[in-house]
Amino acid sequence: MKEVVFPGSFDPVTNGHLDLIKRALAIFGAVRVVVLTNQTKSGMFPVQKRVQFLKEALKGMKGVRVDCAQGLLANYMKKHKLTTIVRGLRSAHDWNHERTNAYYNQLFNAKLETVFLPAATQYQYISSSAVKEAVAYGADVADLVPTCVAKAFKNAAK
């Protein structure tokens, strides 16, 4: 068993994220989901709320834990003596973005490796950004996000 890190802003967590976490767990045996503050994105939910959503959505899943961090992922990995990052890929755009991130992570922490998992077909077009945009226009996103997130959106709309 090797603990790997699945990082992201998870604002909000989607069913695509959950699928990747489950698949990484099946491969590696342990996954630490790390909610990072992304300075290039404006957050819909505060970090602690995102952590709460993830914990609820992943409740009862052995081998998975949720944490949060600020700053460089490479520094977090070094501090916790972790060496493997798992990232999902939906498209060529993701590939270019994630390869760049992998380059910098390894530049700042030479021990890091990044493993890429392709998104399952049914989740290829789901992104947190698209979910937020759909919600802004009043769409029901219950099929795209965990139940706890869908309830939060419905309660906010009341």
Protein backbone atom coordinates (compact mmCIF):
# COMPACT_ATOMS: atom_id res chain seq x y z
CA MET A 1 0.00 0.00 0.00
CA LYS A 2 1.34 3.43 -0.97
CA GLU A 3 -0.40 6.62 0.13
CA VAL A 4 -0.82 9.04 -2.76
CA VAL A 5 -2.11 12.59 -2.80
CA PHE A 6 -5.07 13.71 -4.89
CA PRO A 7 -4.91 17.53 -4.69
CA GLY A 8 -7.34 20.14 -5.93
CA SER A 9 -9.43 23.13 -5.05
CA PHE A 10 -12.62 20.99 -5.03
CA ASP A 11 -14.83 24.07 -5.27
CA PRO A 12 -17.09 22.17 -5.35
CA VAL A 13 -16.20 18.49 -5.33
CA THR A 14 -17.83 16.71 -8.28
CA ASN A 15 -18.75 13.12 -9.03
CA GLY A 16 -15.78 13.11 -11.41
CA HIS A 17 -13.46 13.84 -8.49
CA LEU A 18 -15.05 11.05 -6.45
CA ASP A 19 -14.59 8.59 -9.31
CA LEU A 20 -10.88 9.43 -9.58
CA ILE A 21 -10.41 9.10 -5.81
CA LYS A 22 -12.06 5.64 -5.83
CA ARG A 23 -9.96 4.51 -8.77
CA ALA A 24 -6.72 5.80 -7.20
CA LEU A 25 -7.66 4.00 -3.97
CA ALA A 26 -8.12 0.74 -5.89
CA ILE A 27 -4.67 1.13 -7.47
CA PHE A 28 -2.61 2.44 -4.54
CA GLY A 29 -4.53 1.41 -1.42
CA ALA A 30 -4.47 4.82 0.30
CA VAL A 31 -5.40 8.32 -0.89
CA ARG A 32 -4.98 11.62 0.89
CA VAL A 33 -7.31 14.18 -0.67
CA VAL A 34 -5.79 17.63 -0.15
CA VAL A 35 -7.88 20.75 -0.58
CA LEU A 36 -5.58 23.52 -1.76
CA THR A 37 -6.20 27.22 -1.94
CA ASN A 38 -5.90 28.21 -5.61
CA GLN A 39 -5.06 31.91 -5.87
CA THR A 40 -6.11 32.01 -9.54
CA LYS A 41 -9.68 30.88 -8.78
CA SER A 42 -12.31 32.69 -6.77
CA GLY A 43 -13.84 30.31 -4.28
CA MET A 44 -17.56 29.67 -4.04
CA PHE A 45 -17.18 27.74 -0.77
CA PRO A 46 -14.64 28.38 2.00
CA VAL A 47 -11.89 25.75 2.31
CA GLN A 48 -13.32 24.26 5.51
CA LYS A 49 -16.71 23.78 3.82
CA ARG A 50 -15.01 22.00 0.91
CA VAL A 51 -13.21 19.74 3.39
CA GLN A 52 -16.55 19.02 5.08
CA PHE A 53 -18.19 18.15 1.73
CA LEU A 54 -15.35 15.76 0.88
CA LYS A 55 -15.45 14.07 4.28
CA GLU A 56 -19.19 13.56 3.95
CA ALA A 57 -18.99 12.30 0.36
CA LEU A 58 -16.14 9.90 1.22
CA LYS A 59 -17.51 8.78 4.59
CA GLY A 60 -16.90 5.13 5.32
CA MET A 61 -14.33 4.75 2.56
CA LYS A 62 -11.35 3.00 4.18
CA GLY A 63 -7.94 4.23 3.08
CA VAL A 64 -9.06 7.76 2.25
CA ARG A 65 -8.48 10.84 4.35
CA VAL A 66 -9.02 14.53 3.73
CA ASP A 67 -6.66 17.40 4.57
CA CYS A 68 -6.18 21.00 3.51
CA ALA A 69 -3.11 23.11 2.81
CA GLN A 70 -1.92 26.48 1.62
CA GLY A 71 1.14 27.18 -0.45
CA LEU A 72 3.06 24.92 -2.77
CA LEU A 73 1.93 21.33 -3.07
CA ALA A 74 5.62 20.35 -3.36
CA ASN A 75 6.24 21.74 0.13
CA TYR A 76 3.21 19.92 1.56
CA MET A 77 4.44 16.67 0.03
CA LYS A 78 7.94 17.16 1.44
CA LYS A 79 6.61 18.01 4.91
CA HIS A 80 4.47 14.85 5.00
CA LYS A 81 7.10 12.63 3.32
CA LEU A 82 4.80 11.80 0.41
CA THR A 83 6.09 11.29 -3.13
CA THR A 84 3.20 10.51 -5.49
CA ILE A 85 0.52 12.85 -6.82
CA VAL A 86 -2.50 11.58 -8.74
CA ARG A 87 -4.25 13.88 -11.20
CA GLY A 88 -7.19 13.33 -13.51
CA LEU A 89 -7.20 14.20 -17.20
CA ARG A 90 -10.35 15.06 -19.12
CA SER A 91 -8.85 16.53 -22.27
CA ALA A 92 -5.69 17.67 -24.07
CA HIS A 93 -6.11 21.01 -22.29
CA ASP A 94 -5.88 19.20 -18.92
CA TRP A 95 -2.82 17.28 -20.16
CA ASN A 96 -0.94 20.50 -20.96
CA HIS A 97 -1.92 22.14 -17.68
CA GLU A 98 -1.15 19.10 -15.53
CA ARG A 99 2.21 18.40 -17.24
CA THR A 100 3.23 21.96 -16.41
CA ASN A 101 2.16 21.47 -12.78
CA ALA A 102 4.07 18.17 -12.63
CA TYR A 103 7.17 19.91 -13.97
CA TYR A 104 7.08 22.59 -11.29
CA ASN A 105 6.22 20.16 -8.51
CA GLN A 106 9.26 18.09 -9.42
CA LEU A 107 11.41 21.19 -9.83
CA PHE A 108 10.60 22.23 -6.25
CA ASN A 109 10.71 18.66 -4.86
CA ALA A 110 12.80 16.26 -6.95
CA LYS A 111 11.30 13.19 -5.23
CA LEU A 112 7.81 13.83 -6.62
CA GLU A 113 6.14 11.79 -9.33
CA THR A 114 2.76 12.54 -10.87
CA VAL A 115 0.46 9.76 -12.09
CA PHE A 116 -2.29 10.68 -14.52
CA LEU A 117 -5.65 8.91 -14.68
CA PRO A 118 -7.97 9.57 -17.61
CA ALA A 119 -11.46 10.65 -16.63
CA ALA A 120 -14.15 8.04 -17.09
CA THR A 121 -16.26 8.78 -20.16
CA GLN A 122 -19.32 9.84 -18.15
CA TYR A 123 -17.26 12.45 -16.25
CA GLN A 124 -15.16 13.92 -19.08
CA TYR A 125 -17.15 17.14 -19.29
CA ILE A 126 -17.78 17.74 -15.59
CA SER A 127 -15.73 20.48 -13.97
CA SER A 128 -16.20 22.51 -10.82
CA SER A 129 -16.21 25.67 -12.95
CA ALA A 130 -19.00 24.36 -15.19
CA VAL A 131 -21.01 23.28 -12.13
CA LYS A 132 -20.69 26.76 -10.57
CA GLU A 133 -21.73 28.42 -13.82
CA ALA A 134 -24.75 26.12 -14.18
CA VAL A 135 -25.81 26.83 -10.59
CA ALA A 136 -25.50 30.59 -11.22
CA TYR A 137 -28.13 30.18 -13.94
CA GLY A 138 -30.42 28.12 -11.72
CA ALA A 139 -29.65 24.67 -13.13
CA ASP A 140 -30.11 21.51 -11.07
CA VAL A 141 -26.65 19.92 -10.78
CA ALA A 142 -27.67 16.98 -8.56
CA ASP A 143 -26.38 14.45 -11.13
CA LEU A 144 -22.94 16.12 -11.24
CA VAL A 145 -22.07 16.48 -7.55
CA PRO A 146 -22.37 14.48 -4.32
CA THR A 147 -25.69 14.74 -2.48
CA CYS A 148 -24.24 16.98 0.25
CA VAL A 149 -23.14 19.55 -2.34
CA ALA A 150 -26.44 19.41 -4.22
CA LYS A 151 -28.29 20.06 -0.93
CA ALA A 152 -26.03 23.05 -0.20
CA PHE A 153 -26.84 24.53 -3.60
CA LYS A 154 -30.58 23.97 -3.10
CA ASN A 155 -30.49 25.54 0.37
CA ALA A 156 -28.56 28.54 -0.95
CA ALA A 157 -31.18 29.06 -3.68
CA LYS A 158 -34.03 29.30 -1.14
